Amino acid sequence: MNLLNQLTIKTSALSDEELMSVSVTQYEATEALLGGLSAMGSLMFHAGNDPLYAEAKDDMKKIGYSLSVTAEILQALNLNSANAEYALRKPAGANHE
């Protein structure tokens, strides 16, 4: 089982209030992580051009690995938010998943 499957929330067991919370908080988390990733990319670019930054290559490897894992987390957060929104739009009494 991959990270995306492990982080994906099963919406069928959630109340409407919980679904709304998942939708909002996971969307906001996605936006915050994307902003952070953009900032890291900018820093990496500028650090890579600085001849005095001797650890740049090792740090970039660490950041690259972190970004690959973060991408899976973002996919799960985005999927959870979308699934919660979809479940909230279903008619009352319908199964949430």
N, C-alpha and C. Protein backbone atom coordinates (compact mmCIF):
# COMPACT_ATOMS: atom_id res chain seq x y z
N MET A 1 0.85 -1.17 0.00
CA MET A 1 0.00 0.00 0.00
C MET A 1 0.90 1.24 0.00
N ASN A 2 0.64 2.15 -0.93
CA ASN A 2 1.48 3.35 -1.02
C ASN A 2 0.99 4.44 -0.07
N LEU A 3 1.78 5.50 0.03
CA LEU A 3 1.49 6.60 0.94
C LEU A 3 0.15 7.25 0.62
N LEU A 4 -0.15 7.44 -0.65
CA LEU A 4 -1.42 8.05 -1.04
C LEU A 4 -2.59 7.25 -0.48
N ASN A 5 -2.55 5.93 -0.64
CA ASN A 5 -3.64 5.08 -0.13
C ASN A 5 -3.74 5.14 1.40
N GLN A 6 -2.61 5.24 2.06
CA GLN A 6 -2.61 5.28 3.52
C GLN A 6 -3.17 6.60 4.06
N LEU A 7 -2.98 7.69 3.33
CA LEU A 7 -3.41 9.00 3.81
C LEU A 7 -4.83 9.37 3.38
N THR A 8 -5.41 8.62 2.46
CA THR A 8 -6.74 8.95 1.95
C THR A 8 -7.82 8.58 2.97
N ILE A 9 -8.68 9.54 3.26
CA ILE A 9 -9.75 9.37 4.24
C ILE A 9 -10.96 8.71 3.59
N LYS A 10 -11.57 7.77 4.28
CA LYS A 10 -12.81 7.15 3.82
C LYS A 10 -13.97 8.02 4.29
N THR A 11 -14.61 8.71 3.37
CA THR A 11 -15.63 9.69 3.72
C THR A 11 -16.94 9.07 4.18
N SER A 12 -17.16 7.78 3.92
CA SER A 12 -18.46 7.17 4.26
C SER A 12 -18.72 7.16 5.75
N ALA A 13 -17.70 7.22 6.58
CA ALA A 13 -17.88 7.16 8.03
C ALA A 13 -17.96 8.55 8.67
N LEU A 14 -17.96 9.61 7.87
CA LEU A 14 -17.90 10.96 8.42
C LEU A 14 -19.25 11.68 8.37
N SER A 15 -19.49 12.50 9.38
CA SER A 15 -20.69 13.34 9.40
C SER A 15 -20.49 14.52 8.46
N ASP A 16 -21.54 15.26 8.19
CA ASP A 16 -21.42 16.44 7.33
C ASP A 16 -20.45 17.46 7.93
N GLU A 17 -20.50 17.63 9.24
CA GLU A 17 -19.59 18.57 9.90
C GLU A 17 -18.14 18.12 9.73
N GLU A 18 -17.89 16.83 9.89
CA GLU A 18 -16.53 16.31 9.70
C GLU A 18 -16.08 16.44 8.25
N LEU A 19 -17.01 16.20 7.32
CA LEU A 19 -16.69 16.35 5.90
C LEU A 19 -16.30 17.79 5.58
N MET A 20 -17.03 18.74 6.12
CA MET A 20 -16.72 20.15 5.89
C MET A 20 -15.34 20.48 6.45
N SER A 21 -15.03 19.96 7.62
CA SER A 21 -13.73 20.19 8.23
C SER A 21 -12.61 19.60 7.38
N VAL A 22 -12.81 18.39 6.88
CA VAL A 22 -11.81 17.75 6.01
C VAL A 22 -11.62 18.58 4.75
N SER A 23 -12.71 18.99 4.15
CA SER A 23 -12.64 19.76 2.91
C SER A 23 -11.83 21.03 3.10
N VAL A 24 -12.15 21.79 4.15
CA VAL A 24 -11.51 23.08 4.37
C VAL A 24 -10.06 22.92 4.81
N THR A 25 -9.82 22.11 5.85
CA THR A 25 -8.46 22.03 6.39
C THR A 25 -7.49 21.38 5.42
N GLN A 26 -7.94 20.39 4.67
CA GLN A 26 -7.02 19.73 3.76
C GLN A 26 -6.76 20.58 2.52
N TYR A 27 -7.73 21.37 2.11
CA TYR A 27 -7.49 22.32 1.02
C TYR A 27 -6.48 23.38 1.48
N GLU A 28 -6.67 23.90 2.70
CA GLU A 28 -5.74 24.91 3.22
C GLU A 28 -4.34 24.33 3.38
N ALA A 29 -4.24 23.09 3.82
CA ALA A 29 -2.93 22.44 3.96
C ALA A 29 -2.26 22.29 2.60
N THR A 30 -3.04 21.96 1.59
CA THR A 30 -2.50 21.85 0.23
C THR A 30 -1.93 23.19 -0.22
N GLU A 31 -2.68 24.25 -0.01
CA GLU A 31 -2.22 25.58 -0.40
C GLU A 31 -0.95 25.98 0.35
N ALA A 32 -0.90 25.69 1.65
CA ALA A 32 0.28 26.03 2.45
C ALA A 32 1.51 25.26 1.98
N LEU A 33 1.34 23.98 1.71
CA LEU A 33 2.46 23.17 1.23
C LEU A 33 2.93 23.61 -0.15
N LEU A 34 2.00 23.96 -1.03
CA LEU A 34 2.39 24.44 -2.35
C LEU A 34 3.17 25.74 -2.26
N GLY A 35 2.76 26.63 -1.37
CA GLY A 35 3.51 27.88 -1.16
C GLY A 35 4.91 27.60 -0.64
N GLY A 36 5.02 26.67 0.29
CA GLY A 36 6.33 26.30 0.82
C GLY A 36 7.22 25.67 -0.23
N LEU A 37 6.64 24.84 -1.07
CA LEU A 37 7.41 24.21 -2.15
C LEU A 37 7.94 25.25 -3.12
N SER A 38 7.11 26.23 -3.42
CA SER A 38 7.54 27.30 -4.32
C SER A 38 8.71 28.06 -3.72
N ALA A 39 8.62 28.36 -2.43
CA ALA A 39 9.70 29.07 -1.75
C ALA A 39 10.98 28.23 -1.73
N MET A 40 10.85 26.93 -1.48
CA MET A 40 12.02 26.05 -1.49
C MET A 40 12.68 26.02 -2.86
N GLY A 41 11.86 25.98 -3.89
CA GLY A 41 12.40 25.99 -5.25
C GLY A 41 13.19 27.24 -5.53
N SER A 42 12.67 28.37 -5.12
CA SER A 42 13.36 29.63 -5.31
C SER A 42 14.68 29.66 -4.54
N LEU A 43 14.65 29.21 -3.29
CA LEU A 43 15.87 29.16 -2.49
C LEU A 43 16.90 28.21 -3.10
N MET A 44 16.43 27.06 -3.58
CA MET A 44 17.36 26.10 -4.20
C MET A 44 18.03 26.72 -5.42
N PHE A 45 17.26 27.41 -6.22
CA PHE A 45 17.81 28.03 -7.42
C PHE A 45 18.91 29.01 -7.06
N HIS A 46 18.62 29.89 -6.11
CA HIS A 46 19.60 30.91 -5.74
C HIS A 46 20.78 30.32 -4.99
N ALA A 47 20.54 29.33 -4.14
CA ALA A 47 21.64 28.69 -3.41
C ALA A 47 22.56 27.93 -4.36
N GLY A 48 21.99 27.34 -5.39
CA GLY A 48 22.79 26.60 -6.37
C GLY A 48 23.74 27.48 -7.15
N ASN A 49 23.44 28.75 -7.22
CA ASN A 49 24.29 29.70 -7.94
C ASN A 49 25.32 30.39 -7.05
N ASP A 50 25.31 30.08 -5.75
CA ASP A 50 26.23 30.72 -4.80
C ASP A 50 27.46 29.83 -4.60
N PRO A 51 28.64 30.26 -5.08
CA PRO A 51 29.84 29.43 -4.96
C PRO A 51 30.30 29.22 -3.51
N LEU A 52 29.80 30.02 -2.58
CA LEU A 52 30.18 29.88 -1.17
C LEU A 52 29.32 28.86 -0.41
N TYR A 53 28.30 28.36 -1.05
CA TYR A 53 27.40 27.40 -0.41
C TYR A 53 27.87 25.98 -0.75
N ALA A 54 28.82 25.49 0.01
CA ALA A 54 29.48 24.21 -0.28
C ALA A 54 28.55 23.01 -0.15
N GLU A 55 27.55 23.09 0.72
CA GLU A 55 26.64 21.95 0.96
C GLU A 55 25.44 21.96 0.03
N ALA A 56 25.43 22.82 -0.95
CA ALA A 56 24.25 22.97 -1.81
C ALA A 56 23.81 21.66 -2.44
N LYS A 57 24.74 20.88 -2.95
CA LYS A 57 24.37 19.63 -3.64
C LYS A 57 23.70 18.65 -2.69
N ASP A 58 24.27 18.46 -1.51
CA ASP A 58 23.67 17.54 -0.54
C ASP A 58 22.31 18.04 -0.06
N ASP A 59 22.22 19.33 0.20
CA ASP A 59 20.94 19.90 0.64
C ASP A 59 19.89 19.77 -0.44
N MET A 60 20.27 19.96 -1.68
CA MET A 60 19.31 19.84 -2.78
C MET A 60 18.82 18.40 -2.92
N LYS A 61 19.69 17.43 -2.69
CA LYS A 61 19.27 16.02 -2.72
C LYS A 61 18.22 15.77 -1.64
N LYS A 62 18.47 16.28 -0.44
CA LYS A 62 17.52 16.10 0.66
C LYS A 62 16.18 16.76 0.35
N ILE A 63 16.24 17.97 -0.18
CA ILE A 63 15.02 18.68 -0.52
C ILE A 63 14.29 17.95 -1.65
N GLY A 64 15.01 17.45 -2.63
CA GLY A 64 14.39 16.71 -3.72
C GLY A 64 13.64 15.48 -3.23
N TYR A 65 14.24 14.75 -2.32
CA TYR A 65 13.57 13.57 -1.76
C TYR A 65 12.33 14.00 -0.98
N SER A 66 12.48 15.05 -0.19
CA SER A 66 11.35 15.57 0.57
C SER A 66 10.21 15.98 -0.35
N LEU A 67 10.54 16.62 -1.46
CA LEU A 67 9.51 17.07 -2.40
C LEU A 67 8.77 15.89 -3.03
N SER A 68 9.48 14.81 -3.30
CA SER A 68 8.82 13.65 -3.91
C SER A 68 7.81 13.03 -2.95
N VAL A 69 8.11 13.00 -1.67
CA VAL A 69 7.17 12.50 -0.68
C VAL A 69 6.03 13.51 -0.48
N THR A 70 6.37 14.79 -0.47
CA THR A 70 5.37 15.83 -0.29
C THR A 70 4.34 15.80 -1.41
N ALA A 71 4.76 15.46 -2.62
CA ALA A 71 3.82 15.38 -3.73
C ALA A 71 2.73 14.34 -3.46
N GLU A 72 3.09 13.20 -2.89
CA GLU A 72 2.10 12.18 -2.55
C GLU A 72 1.16 12.67 -1.45
N ILE A 73 1.70 13.38 -0.49
CA ILE A 73 0.88 13.93 0.59
C ILE A 73 -0.11 14.93 0.02
N LEU A 74 0.35 15.79 -0.89
CA LEU A 74 -0.53 16.76 -1.52
C LEU A 74 -1.64 16.08 -2.31
N GLN A 75 -1.31 15.00 -2.99
CA GLN A 75 -2.33 14.26 -3.73
C GLN A 75 -3.41 13.74 -2.78
N ALA A 76 -2.99 13.20 -1.65
CA ALA A 76 -3.95 12.68 -0.69
C ALA A 76 -4.81 13.79 -0.10
N LEU A 77 -4.19 14.91 0.27
CA LEU A 77 -4.95 16.04 0.82
C LEU A 77 -5.97 16.55 -0.19
N ASN A 78 -5.54 16.69 -1.43
CA ASN A 78 -6.43 17.19 -2.48
C ASN A 78 -7.58 16.21 -2.73
N LEU A 79 -7.26 14.91 -2.76
CA LEU A 79 -8.29 13.89 -2.96
C LEU A 79 -9.28 13.89 -1.80
N ASN A 80 -8.77 13.98 -0.57
CA ASN A 80 -9.65 14.03 0.60
C ASN A 80 -10.59 15.23 0.54
N SER A 81 -10.06 16.39 0.18
CA SER A 81 -10.87 17.59 0.09
C SER A 81 -11.96 17.42 -0.98
N ALA A 82 -11.58 16.92 -2.13
CA ALA A 82 -12.54 16.72 -3.22
C ALA A 82 -13.61 15.68 -2.84
N ASN A 83 -13.19 14.58 -2.22
CA ASN A 83 -14.15 13.55 -1.81
C ASN A 83 -15.12 14.08 -0.76
N ALA A 84 -14.63 14.89 0.16
CA ALA A 84 -15.50 15.48 1.18
C ALA A 84 -16.51 16.43 0.54
N GLU A 85 -16.06 17.25 -0.40
CA GLU A 85 -16.97 18.16 -1.10
C GLU A 85 -18.03 17.37 -1.87
N TYR A 86 -17.62 16.31 -2.54
CA TYR A 86 -18.55 15.48 -3.29
C TYR A 86 -19.58 14.85 -2.35
N ALA A 87 -19.12 14.32 -1.23
CA ALA A 87 -20.02 13.68 -0.28
C ALA A 87 -21.01 14.68 0.29
N LEU A 88 -20.58 15.91 0.51
CA LEU A 88 -21.48 16.94 1.04
C LEU A 88 -22.57 17.33 0.04
N ARG A 89 -22.31 17.17 -1.24
CA ARG A 89 -23.27 17.55 -2.28
C ARG A 89 -24.29 16.46 -2.58
N LYS A 90 -24.08 15.26 -2.05
CA LYS A 90 -25.04 14.16 -2.27
C LYS A 90 -26.33 14.45 -1.52
N PRO A 91 -27.43 13.90 -2.01
CA PRO A 91 -28.70 14.10 -1.32
C PRO A 91 -28.65 13.54 0.10
N ALA A 92 -29.44 14.11 1.00
CA ALA A 92 -29.50 13.66 2.39
C ALA A 92 -29.86 12.19 2.44
N GLY A 93 -29.21 11.47 3.32
CA GLY A 93 -29.46 10.05 3.49
C GLY A 93 -28.67 9.16 2.56
N ALA A 94 -28.02 9.72 1.55
CA ALA A 94 -27.22 8.92 0.63
C ALA A 94 -25.90 8.56 1.30
N ASN A 95 -25.37 7.42 0.94
CA ASN A 95 -24.08 6.99 1.47
C ASN A 95 -23.01 7.99 1.08
N HIS A 96 -22.11 8.33 1.99
CA HIS A 96 -21.08 9.36 1.76
C HIS A 96 -19.94 8.88 0.90
N GLU A 97 -19.92 7.70 0.42
CA GLU A 97 -18.79 7.27 -0.43
C GLU A 97 -19.24 6.60 -1.69
